[in-house]
N, C-alpha and C. Protein backbone atom coordinates (compact mmCIF):
# COMPACT_ATOMS: atom_id res chain seq x y z
N MET A 1 0.75 -1.37 -0.03
CA MET A 1 -0.08 -0.51 -0.31
C MET A 1 0.87 1.02 -0.08
N SER A 2 0.60 2.18 -1.03
CA SER A 2 1.26 3.40 -1.04
C SER A 2 0.67 4.73 -0.62
N TRP A 3 1.00 5.60 -0.28
CA TRP A 3 0.05 6.78 0.37
C TRP A 3 0.79 7.88 -0.88
N ALA A 4 0.03 8.21 -1.55
CA ALA A 4 0.47 9.27 -2.98
C ALA A 4 -0.32 10.64 -2.57
N SER A 5 0.25 11.89 -2.66
CA SER A 5 0.18 13.43 -2.29
C SER A 5 -1.07 13.24 -2.27
N ASP A 6 -1.38 13.00 -4.04
CA ASP A 6 -2.68 13.63 -3.89
C ASP A 6 -3.40 12.46 -5.17
N SER A 7 -4.60 12.26 -5.51
CA SER A 7 -5.48 11.69 -6.06
C SER A 7 -4.78 11.22 -7.43
N SER A 8 -3.91 12.33 -8.30
CA SER A 8 -3.52 11.99 -9.36
C SER A 8 -2.38 10.99 -9.93
N SER A 9 -2.35 10.56 -8.50
CA SER A 9 -0.96 9.54 -8.76
C SER A 9 -1.28 8.39 -9.71
N SER A 10 -1.21 7.89 -10.34
CA SER A 10 -1.52 6.33 -10.55
C SER A 10 -0.43 5.57 -10.00
N GLY A 11 -1.77 4.31 -9.72
CA GLY A 11 -1.27 2.99 -8.98
C GLY A 11 -0.80 1.88 -10.03
N SER A 12 0.36 1.93 -9.66
CA SER A 12 0.61 0.54 -10.68
C SER A 12 1.38 -0.73 -9.97
N GLY A 13 0.96 -1.58 -10.32
CA GLY A 13 1.01 -2.71 -9.44
C GLY A 13 0.21 -2.95 -8.84
N SER A 14 0.21 -4.23 -7.56
CA SER A 14 -0.93 -4.64 -6.84
C SER A 14 -0.93 -4.26 -5.57
N GLY A 15 -0.45 -2.61 -4.75
CA GLY A 15 -1.59 -1.84 -4.12
C GLY A 15 -2.10 -0.64 -4.65
N PHE A 16 -2.98 0.08 -3.98
CA PHE A 16 -3.08 1.61 -4.24
C PHE A 16 -3.11 2.45 -3.61
N SER A 17 -3.76 3.60 -3.84
CA SER A 17 -2.44 4.52 -4.09
C SER A 17 -3.95 5.91 -3.23
N VAL A 18 -3.66 6.24 -2.40
CA VAL A 18 -4.87 7.06 -1.61
C VAL A 18 -4.38 8.42 -1.36
N GLY A 19 -5.07 9.77 -1.98
CA GLY A 19 -4.67 10.80 -2.03
C GLY A 19 -5.20 11.77 -1.25
N SER A 20 -4.70 13.08 -1.25
CA SER A 20 -5.94 14.06 -0.52
C SER A 20 -6.84 14.05 -0.36
N SER A 21 -7.28 14.00 -2.34
CA SER A 21 -9.13 13.97 -2.76
C SER A 21 -9.63 13.17 -1.79
N THR A 22 -8.73 12.18 -1.92
CA THR A 22 -9.95 10.57 -1.49
C THR A 22 -10.14 10.94 0.21
N PHE A 23 -9.34 11.59 0.69
CA PHE A 23 -10.05 12.14 2.09
C PHE A 23 -10.59 13.12 2.33
N SER A 24 -11.06 13.93 1.50
CA SER A 24 -11.47 15.22 1.40
C SER A 24 -12.87 14.85 1.14
N ASP A 25 -13.23 13.82 0.03
CA ASP A 25 -14.42 13.28 -0.46
C ASP A 25 -14.80 12.73 0.61
N LEU A 26 -13.99 11.21 1.37
CA LEU A 26 -15.00 10.91 2.28
C LEU A 26 -15.24 11.94 3.48
N GLY A 27 -14.49 12.71 4.00
CA GLY A 27 -14.76 14.06 5.06
C GLY A 27 -15.96 15.04 4.24
N GLY A 28 -15.94 14.83 3.47
CA GLY A 28 -17.03 15.58 2.89
C GLY A 28 -18.46 15.33 2.78
N ALA A 29 -18.62 13.45 2.41
CA ALA A 29 -19.28 12.66 2.53
C ALA A 29 -20.13 12.21 4.22
N VAL A 30 -18.80 12.75 5.07
CA VAL A 30 -19.67 12.16 6.69
C VAL A 30 -19.93 13.79 6.49
N SER A 31 -19.27 14.63 6.12
CA SER A 31 -19.96 15.84 7.13
C SER A 31 -21.76 16.32 6.19
N ASP A 32 -21.71 16.08 5.05
CA ASP A 32 -23.13 15.27 4.79
C ASP A 32 -23.85 15.32 4.95
N LEU A 33 -23.48 13.52 5.44
CA LEU A 33 -24.34 13.27 5.97
C LEU A 33 -24.86 13.22 7.52
N PHE A 34 -24.30 13.91 8.34
CA PHE A 34 -24.21 14.87 9.48
C PHE A 34 -25.69 15.88 9.45
N SER A 35 -25.22 16.62 7.69
CA SER A 35 -26.05 17.49 7.94
C SER A 35 -26.98 17.56 7.60
N ALA A 36 -27.63 16.30 6.69
CA ALA A 36 -28.61 15.72 6.18
C ALA A 36 -29.63 15.07 7.38
N GLU A 37 -29.05 14.61 8.47
CA GLU A 37 -29.24 14.13 10.03
C GLU A 37 -30.16 15.47 10.72
N ALA A 38 -28.97 16.76 10.85
CA ALA A 38 -29.80 17.90 11.47
C ALA A 38 -30.53 18.53 10.71
N THR A 39 -30.59 18.07 9.62
CA THR A 39 -31.60 19.45 8.87
C THR A 39 -32.57 18.54 9.31
N GLY A 40 -32.95 16.91 9.34
CA GLY A 40 -34.22 16.16 9.75
C GLY A 40 -34.83 16.89 11.24
N TYR A 41 -33.83 17.13 11.80
CA TYR A 41 -34.16 18.07 13.55
C TYR A 41 -34.55 19.14 13.35
N LYS A 42 -34.09 19.44 12.56
CA LYS A 42 -34.70 21.05 12.33
C LYS A 42 -35.95 21.06 11.86
N GLN A 43 -36.30 20.03 10.85
CA GLN A 43 -37.68 20.07 10.11
C GLN A 43 -38.72 19.79 10.93
N GLU A 44 -38.04 18.55 12.17
CA GLU A 44 -38.98 18.12 12.94
C GLU A 44 -39.37 19.45 14.06
N ALA A 45 -37.77 20.20 14.33
CA ALA A 45 -38.76 21.29 15.25
C ALA A 45 -39.69 22.27 14.48
N LEU A 46 -39.50 22.48 13.22
CA LEU A 46 -40.04 23.20 12.45
C LEU A 46 -41.87 23.14 12.27
N SER A 47 -41.77 21.86 12.69
CA SER A 47 -43.54 21.33 12.80
C SER A 47 -43.99 21.48 13.37
N PHE A 48 -43.15 21.41 14.99
CA PHE A 48 -43.65 21.96 16.31
C PHE A 48 -44.08 23.45 16.35
N GLU A 49 -43.18 24.20 16.28
CA GLU A 49 -43.31 25.37 15.43
C GLU A 49 -44.90 25.91 14.72
N ALA A 50 -45.10 25.37 13.77
CA ALA A 50 -46.04 25.18 12.91
C ALA A 50 -46.91 24.97 13.86
N GLU A 51 -47.21 23.54 14.44
CA GLU A 51 -48.41 22.94 15.43
C GLU A 51 -48.83 24.42 16.40
N ASN A 52 -47.66 24.74 16.90
CA ASN A 52 -48.14 25.29 18.15
C ASN A 52 -49.06 27.16 17.19
N TYR A 53 -48.07 27.52 16.33
CA TYR A 53 -49.31 28.59 16.17
C TYR A 53 -50.42 28.29 15.33
N ASP A 54 -50.80 26.87 14.88
CA ASP A 54 -52.11 27.00 14.40
C ASP A 54 -52.76 26.72 15.51
N ALA A 55 -52.33 26.25 16.72
CA ALA A 55 -53.15 26.50 17.83
C ALA A 55 -53.68 27.85 18.65
N ALA A 56 -52.45 28.52 18.22
CA ALA A 56 -52.55 30.05 18.98
C ALA A 56 -53.75 30.58 18.27
N ALA A 57 -53.88 30.03 16.64
CA ALA A 57 -54.50 31.09 15.84
C ALA A 57 -55.81 30.47 16.23
N THR A 58 -56.12 29.23 16.17
CA THR A 58 -57.44 28.49 16.75
C THR A 58 -57.78 29.23 17.81
N LEU A 59 -57.23 29.49 19.32
CA LEU A 59 -57.32 30.19 20.43
C LEU A 59 -58.25 31.09 20.33
N ALA A 60 -57.18 32.43 19.21
CA ALA A 60 -57.33 33.20 18.87
C ALA A 60 -58.66 33.77 18.48
N GLN A 61 -58.84 32.92 17.63
CA GLN A 61 -60.72 33.04 16.94
C GLN A 61 -61.81 32.35 17.63
N GLN A 62 -61.47 31.58 18.99
CA GLN A 62 -62.23 30.90 19.92
C GLN A 62 -62.20 32.43 20.80
N ASN A 63 -61.56 33.57 20.90
CA ASN A 63 -61.64 34.26 22.20
C ASN A 63 -62.19 35.02 20.90
N GLU A 64 -62.17 35.50 19.79
CA GLU A 64 -63.29 36.10 18.67
C GLU A 64 -64.64 36.33 19.20
N GLN A 65 -65.15 34.45 18.93
CA GLN A 65 -66.27 34.14 19.22
C GLN A 65 -66.63 34.16 20.60
N ILE A 66 -66.24 34.39 21.11
CA ILE A 66 -66.69 34.70 23.01
C ILE A 66 -66.68 35.90 23.27
N THR A 67 -65.93 37.30 22.48
CA THR A 67 -65.98 38.42 22.53
C THR A 67 -67.28 39.12 21.88
N LYS A 68 -67.45 38.41 20.99
CA LYS A 68 -69.01 38.65 19.93
C LYS A 68 -69.92 38.24 20.96
N THR A 69 -70.07 37.05 21.67
CA THR A 69 -71.09 36.33 22.66
C THR A 69 -71.03 37.71 24.01
N SER A 70 -70.06 37.87 24.40
CA SER A 70 -70.05 38.31 25.61
C SER A 70 -70.40 39.99 25.07
N THR A 71 -70.37 40.80 24.15
CA THR A 71 -70.80 41.93 23.33
C THR A 71 -71.95 42.38 23.35
N ALA A 72 -72.63 40.85 22.61
CA ALA A 72 -74.30 40.90 22.64
C ALA A 72 -74.74 40.73 24.03
N ILE A 73 -74.57 40.05 25.01
CA ILE A 73 -74.19 39.47 26.22
C ILE A 73 -74.35 40.96 27.47
N LYS A 74 -73.91 41.87 27.04
CA LYS A 74 -73.36 43.24 27.72
C LYS A 74 -74.34 44.37 27.22
N GLN A 75 -74.76 44.37 25.75
CA GLN A 75 -75.54 45.18 25.05
C GLN A 75 -77.29 44.82 25.68
N GLN A 76 -77.50 43.50 25.70
CA GLN A 76 -78.59 43.01 26.33
C GLN A 76 -79.04 43.53 28.18
N GLN A 77 -77.62 43.15 28.51
CA GLN A 77 -77.89 44.09 30.13
C GLN A 77 -77.55 45.50 29.97
N SER A 78 -77.41 46.18 29.11
CA SER A 78 -77.15 47.91 29.00
C SER A 78 -78.76 48.12 28.13
N ASP A 79 -79.49 47.38 27.65
CA ASP A 79 -80.80 47.58 26.89
C ASP A 79 -81.51 47.24 28.73
N ARG A 80 -81.57 46.59 28.97
CA ARG A 80 -82.30 46.33 30.23
C ARG A 80 -82.42 47.38 31.23
N GLU A 81 -80.98 48.07 31.96
CA GLU A 81 -81.03 48.83 32.73
C GLU A 81 -81.61 49.84 31.58
N LEU A 82 -81.42 49.99 30.50
CA LEU A 82 -82.13 51.39 30.10
C LEU A 82 -83.81 51.67 29.99
N TYR A 83 -84.24 50.28 29.87
CA TYR A 83 -85.81 50.05 29.67
C TYR A 83 -85.92 50.16 31.47
N MET A 84 -85.75 49.79 32.80
CA MET A 84 -85.70 49.83 33.82
C MET A 84 -85.93 50.99 34.43
N SER A 85 -84.74 51.97 33.96
CA SER A 85 -84.83 52.94 34.36
C SER A 85 -85.73 54.15 33.35
N LEU A 86 -86.47 53.75 32.41
CA LEU A 86 -87.41 54.79 32.09
C LEU A 86 -88.45 53.82 32.13
N GLY A 87 -88.85 53.06 32.62
CA GLY A 87 -89.61 52.44 33.35
C GLY A 87 -90.61 53.30 34.43
N LYS A 88 -89.06 53.29 35.25
CA LYS A 88 -88.99 53.70 37.20
C LYS A 88 -89.51 55.58 36.65
N THR A 89 -88.59 56.23 35.83
CA THR A 89 -89.07 57.34 35.41
C THR A 89 -90.39 57.83 35.24
N GLN A 90 -90.75 57.13 33.93
CA GLN A 90 -92.41 57.14 33.36
C GLN A 90 -93.26 56.82 34.90
N ALA A 91 -93.07 55.59 35.61
CA ALA A 91 -94.02 55.29 36.66
C ALA A 91 -94.22 56.84 37.76
N ALA A 92 -92.85 57.33 37.93
CA ALA A 92 -92.26 58.37 38.68
C ALA A 92 -93.45 59.83 38.13
N VAL A 93 -93.34 60.07 37.06
CA VAL A 93 -94.26 60.80 36.75
C VAL A 93 -95.85 60.50 36.42
N GLY A 94 -95.80 59.63 36.30
CA GLY A 94 -97.28 59.69 35.94
C GLY A 94 -97.66 59.19 37.98
N GLY A 95 -96.65 58.98 38.62
CA GLY A 95 -97.17 58.52 40.15
C GLY A 95 -97.57 60.17 40.93
N ALA A 96 -96.70 61.00 40.25
CA ALA A 96 -96.86 62.60 40.89
C ALA A 96 -97.66 63.56 40.28
N GLY A 97 -98.43 62.60 39.22
CA GLY A 97 -99.88 63.32 38.79
C GLY A 97 -99.12 64.23 37.36
N LEU A 98 -97.93 64.22 37.18
CA LEU A 98 -98.00 64.80 35.91
C LEU A 98 -97.91 63.96 34.59
N ALA A 99 -98.40 65.07 33.53
CA ALA A 99 -97.95 64.69 32.45
C ALA A 99 -96.87 64.57 31.25
N GLU A 100 -96.90 63.42 30.43
CA GLU A 100 -95.32 63.45 30.06
C GLU A 100 -95.52 64.47 28.70
N SER A 101 -95.15 65.37 29.25
CA SER A 101 -94.63 66.69 28.18
C SER A 101 -93.48 67.22 29.23
N GLY A 102 -92.91 68.09 28.31
CA GLY A 102 -92.15 69.09 28.81
C GLY A 102 -91.10 68.05 29.79
N ASN A 103 -90.53 69.17 30.80
CA ASN A 103 -89.76 68.53 31.50
C ASN A 103 -89.42 66.82 31.52
N SER A 104 -90.22 66.43 31.70
CA SER A 104 -90.92 64.84 31.63
C SER A 104 -90.23 64.05 30.38
N LEU A 105 -90.83 64.43 29.61
CA LEU A 105 -90.13 64.56 28.17
C LEU A 105 -88.75 64.51 27.91
N ASP A 106 -88.14 65.79 28.26
CA ASP A 106 -86.70 65.71 28.38
C ASP A 106 -85.87 64.92 29.26
N LEU A 107 -86.59 64.17 30.30
CA LEU A 107 -85.78 63.45 30.97
C LEU A 107 -85.83 62.12 30.60
N LEU A 108 -86.86 61.97 29.95
CA LEU A 108 -87.23 60.40 29.25
C LEU A 108 -85.87 60.13 27.94
N ARG A 109 -86.00 61.14 27.67
CA ARG A 109 -85.43 61.52 26.27
C ARG A 109 -83.71 61.59 26.39
N THR A 110 -83.18 62.49 27.34
CA THR A 110 -81.96 62.30 27.91
C THR A 110 -81.63 60.81 28.56
N SER A 111 -82.33 60.17 29.18
CA SER A 111 -82.03 58.95 29.56
C SER A 111 -81.63 58.33 27.92
N ALA A 112 -82.73 57.93 27.74
CA ALA A 112 -82.85 57.09 25.98
C ALA A 112 -81.40 57.23 25.38
N GLN A 113 -80.73 58.47 25.38
CA GLN A 113 -79.56 58.96 24.80
C GLN A 113 -78.70 58.37 25.23
N GLN A 114 -78.57 58.24 26.84
CA GLN A 114 -77.49 57.86 27.88
C GLN A 114 -77.26 55.95 27.03
N GLY A 115 -78.49 55.82 27.01
CA GLY A 115 -78.49 54.70 26.98
C GLY A 115 -78.07 53.50 25.63
N ALA A 116 -78.76 54.55 24.63
CA ALA A 116 -78.04 54.30 23.49
C ALA A 116 -76.44 54.43 23.23
N THR A 117 -76.07 56.14 23.69
CA THR A 117 -74.79 56.02 23.68
C THR A 117 -74.28 54.42 24.55
N GLN A 118 -74.58 54.51 25.56
CA GLN A 118 -74.03 53.12 26.12
C GLN A 118 -73.92 51.91 25.61
N ARG A 119 -75.05 51.88 25.16
CA ARG A 119 -74.81 50.80 23.75
C ARG A 119 -74.22 50.70 22.73
N ALA A 120 -74.01 51.97 22.35
CA ALA A 120 -72.73 51.68 21.37
C ALA A 120 -71.59 51.84 21.47
N VAL A 121 -71.54 52.44 22.42
CA VAL A 121 -69.72 52.14 23.52
C VAL A 121 -69.47 50.76 23.40
N LEU A 122 -70.52 50.22 24.11
CA LEU A 122 -69.90 48.60 23.69
C LEU A 122 -69.75 47.79 23.03
N GLY A 123 -70.92 48.30 22.17
CA GLY A 123 -70.91 47.19 20.37
C GLY A 123 -69.63 47.52 20.08
N GLN A 124 -68.77 49.04 20.35
CA GLN A 124 -67.62 49.59 19.26
C GLN A 124 -66.59 48.37 20.56
N GLN A 125 -66.80 48.57 21.68
CA GLN A 125 -65.46 48.02 21.86
C GLN A 125 -65.53 46.25 21.65
N GLY A 126 -67.05 46.00 21.87
CA GLY A 126 -66.66 44.93 21.44
C GLY A 126 -65.88 44.54 19.12
N LEU A 127 -66.09 45.12 18.92
CA LEU A 127 -65.43 45.08 17.88
C LEU A 127 -64.25 45.22 17.45
N ILE A 128 -64.01 46.05 18.44
CA ILE A 128 -62.48 46.56 18.41
C ILE A 128 -62.13 45.24 18.83
N GLN A 129 -62.11 44.58 20.32
CA GLN A 129 -61.63 43.20 20.60
C GLN A 129 -61.67 42.27 19.48
N GLU A 130 -62.89 42.35 18.99
CA GLU A 130 -63.21 40.60 17.68
C GLU A 130 -62.12 41.09 16.86
N ALA A 131 -61.73 42.57 16.31
CA ALA A 131 -60.63 42.81 14.91
C ALA A 131 -59.01 42.55 15.93
N GLY A 132 -58.97 42.90 16.77
CA GLY A 132 -57.82 42.57 17.45
C GLY A 132 -57.36 40.67 17.56
N TYR A 133 -58.18 40.33 17.75
CA TYR A 133 -58.46 38.63 17.96
C TYR A 133 -58.94 38.16 16.16
N GLN A 134 -58.82 38.86 15.06
CA GLN A 134 -58.83 38.35 14.16
C GLN A 134 -57.59 38.52 13.09
N GLU A 135 -57.09 39.89 13.68
CA GLU A 135 -55.88 40.07 13.62
C GLU A 135 -54.72 39.23 13.89
N GLN A 136 -54.73 39.01 15.75
CA GLN A 136 -53.87 38.03 15.83
C GLN A 136 -53.59 36.53 15.57
N ALA A 137 -55.18 36.35 14.93
CA ALA A 137 -55.11 34.63 14.32
C ALA A 137 -54.67 34.89 13.26
N ALA A 138 -54.99 35.70 11.92
CA ALA A 138 -54.04 36.01 11.05
C ALA A 138 -52.61 36.12 11.02
N SER A 139 -52.30 36.17 12.13
CA SER A 139 -50.85 36.83 12.31
C SER A 139 -50.14 34.94 12.37
N TYR A 140 -50.79 34.35 13.51
CA TYR A 140 -50.42 33.37 13.62
C TYR A 140 -50.59 32.20 12.66
N GLN A 141 -51.56 32.49 12.21
CA GLN A 141 -52.04 31.64 10.54
C GLN A 141 -50.51 31.69 9.98
N ASN A 142 -50.12 33.08 9.24
CA ASN A 142 -48.97 33.30 8.51
C ASN A 142 -47.51 32.60 9.11
N MET A 143 -47.71 33.01 10.40
CA MET A 143 -46.23 32.41 11.18
C MET A 143 -46.06 30.79 11.16
N ALA A 144 -47.42 30.31 10.99
CA ALA A 144 -47.25 28.78 10.43
C ALA A 144 -47.35 28.38 9.24
N SER A 145 -47.71 29.48 8.39
CA SER A 145 -47.67 28.99 7.08
C SER A 145 -46.21 29.06 6.59
N ALA A 146 -45.26 30.17 7.21
CA ALA A 146 -43.78 30.59 7.18
C ALA A 146 -43.04 29.05 7.66
N ALA A 147 -43.38 28.51 8.73
CA ALA A 147 -42.77 27.50 9.09
C ALA A 147 -43.38 26.20 8.29
N GLU A 148 -43.97 25.90 7.37
CA GLU A 148 -44.38 24.91 6.53
C GLU A 148 -43.36 25.22 5.81
N VAL A 149 -43.08 26.65 4.80
CA VAL A 149 -42.29 26.85 3.93
C VAL A 149 -40.80 26.51 4.55
N ALA A 150 -40.79 26.53 5.37
CA ALA A 150 -39.45 26.21 6.24
C ALA A 150 -38.90 24.89 6.13
N ILE A 151 -40.24 24.06 6.42
CA ILE A 151 -40.07 22.62 6.38
C ILE A 151 -39.32 22.15 5.00
N LYS A 152 -40.51 22.46 4.43
CA LYS A 152 -40.24 21.89 3.18
C LYS A 152 -38.87 22.62 2.47
N ALA A 153 -38.41 23.99 2.93
CA ALA A 153 -37.56 24.28 2.23
C ALA A 153 -35.91 23.00 3.18
N GLU A 154 -36.51 22.86 4.31
CA GLU A 154 -35.36 22.24 5.23
C GLU A 154 -35.11 20.46 4.33
N GLY A 155 -36.99 19.99 4.02
CA GLY A 155 -36.58 18.67 3.39
C GLY A 155 -35.47 18.84 2.37
N GLU A 156 -35.72 20.16 1.28
CA GLU A 156 -35.23 20.01 -0.03
C GLU A 156 -33.63 19.89 0.28
N ALA A 157 -32.87 20.75 1.46
CA ALA A 157 -31.66 21.29 1.74
C ALA A 157 -30.99 19.05 2.20
N LYS A 158 -31.86 18.53 3.19
CA LYS A 158 -31.45 17.56 3.42
C LYS A 158 -31.41 16.33 2.36
N THR A 159 -32.12 16.31 0.76
CA THR A 159 -32.27 15.86 0.21
C THR A 159 -31.13 16.21 -0.67
N GLY A 160 -30.46 17.32 -0.51
CA GLY A 160 -29.51 17.94 -1.23
C GLY A 160 -27.86 17.82 -0.77
N ASP A 161 -28.29 17.33 0.76
CA ASP A 161 -26.69 16.90 1.66
C ASP A 161 -26.74 15.30 0.91
N TYR A 162 -27.87 14.60 1.47
CA TYR A 162 -27.78 13.00 1.25
C TYR A 162 -27.23 12.99 -0.63
N ILE A 163 -27.58 13.76 -1.16
CA ILE A 163 -27.05 13.42 -2.86
C ILE A 163 -25.81 14.08 -3.19
N GLY A 164 -25.24 14.82 -1.65
CA GLY A 164 -23.90 15.07 -2.15
C GLY A 164 -23.20 13.94 -1.13
N ALA A 165 -23.92 13.33 -0.51
CA ALA A 165 -23.01 12.90 0.11
C ALA A 165 -22.41 11.47 -0.32
N GLY A 166 -23.44 11.10 -0.96
CA GLY A 166 -23.45 9.93 -2.00
C GLY A 166 -21.98 10.04 -3.18
N LEU A 167 -22.35 11.84 -3.71
CA LEU A 167 -21.54 11.91 -5.03
C LEU A 167 -20.42 12.13 -4.12
N LYS A 168 -20.17 12.77 -3.54
CA LYS A 168 -18.45 12.56 -2.33
C LYS A 168 -17.77 11.58 -2.33
N ALA A 169 -18.67 10.26 -1.64
CA ALA A 169 -18.33 8.58 -1.78
C ALA A 169 -18.21 8.06 -2.72
N ALA A 170 -19.14 8.36 -3.88
CA ALA A 170 -18.52 8.01 -4.88
C ALA A 170 -17.45 8.05 -5.63
N GLY A 171 -17.22 9.70 -5.62
CA GLY A 171 -15.76 10.39 -5.72
C GLY A 171 -14.15 9.26 -5.16
N ALA A 172 -15.20 9.13 -3.75
CA ALA A 172 -13.36 8.42 -2.74
C ALA A 172 -13.68 7.20 -3.09
N ALA A 173 -14.64 6.20 -3.83
CA ALA A 173 -14.78 5.20 -4.24
C ALA A 173 -13.76 5.09 -5.27
N ALA A 174 -14.35 6.00 -6.30
CA ALA A 174 -13.68 5.72 -7.50
C ALA A 174 -12.03 6.12 -7.51
N SER A 175 -11.76 7.09 -7.00
CA SER A 175 -10.23 7.59 -6.64
C SER A 175 -9.61 6.17 -6.16
N LEU A 176 -10.46 5.61 -5.51
CA LEU A 176 -9.52 4.10 -4.74
C LEU A 176 -9.44 3.21 -5.64
N ALA A 177 -10.66 3.25 -6.50
CA ALA A 177 -10.50 1.86 -7.49
C ALA A 177 -10.01 2.41 -8.79
N ALA A 178 -9.46 3.52 -8.96
CA ALA A 178 -8.76 4.02 -10.00
C ALA A 178 -7.71 3.63 -10.04
N LEU A 179 -7.25 3.47 -8.77
CA LEU A 179 -5.40 2.68 -8.59
C LEU A 179 -5.04 1.64 -8.60
């Protein structure tokens, strides 16, 4: 067995020659194999990341629905309080023997306006919260999609690493066989 300084040395006789390119090819093949395995682990981690983003998006969508229901309940409670207040005011006016005119109508109108304003504010607050949850869900869905794209990219890189490892190993084998 003779050790040559490079792979261009010809091997004549019964021995074989191993050059620096042979070791380089073998080292590259080993490196690519480990790189491919590491890429597989990265794919797995990205899968977990995508699952977490999908779960977070689902939770944000559920929060949006809860907010819609909560806002509707608050508006109904506000309406009920308004109707009770108006009923009490009408009863007080009638109980005092006053006609529903002048100041008593102004009082009823003001109460109705306050109730309508409160209802509108509750509705807007609910819409703002819902929009926030919609935006949050969309953001998480985008991040999950980005993770899915990264998973595909890592899959391609893994395939390339295996192909590279195979080619480098074949190159090393060819340099040994040629001798």
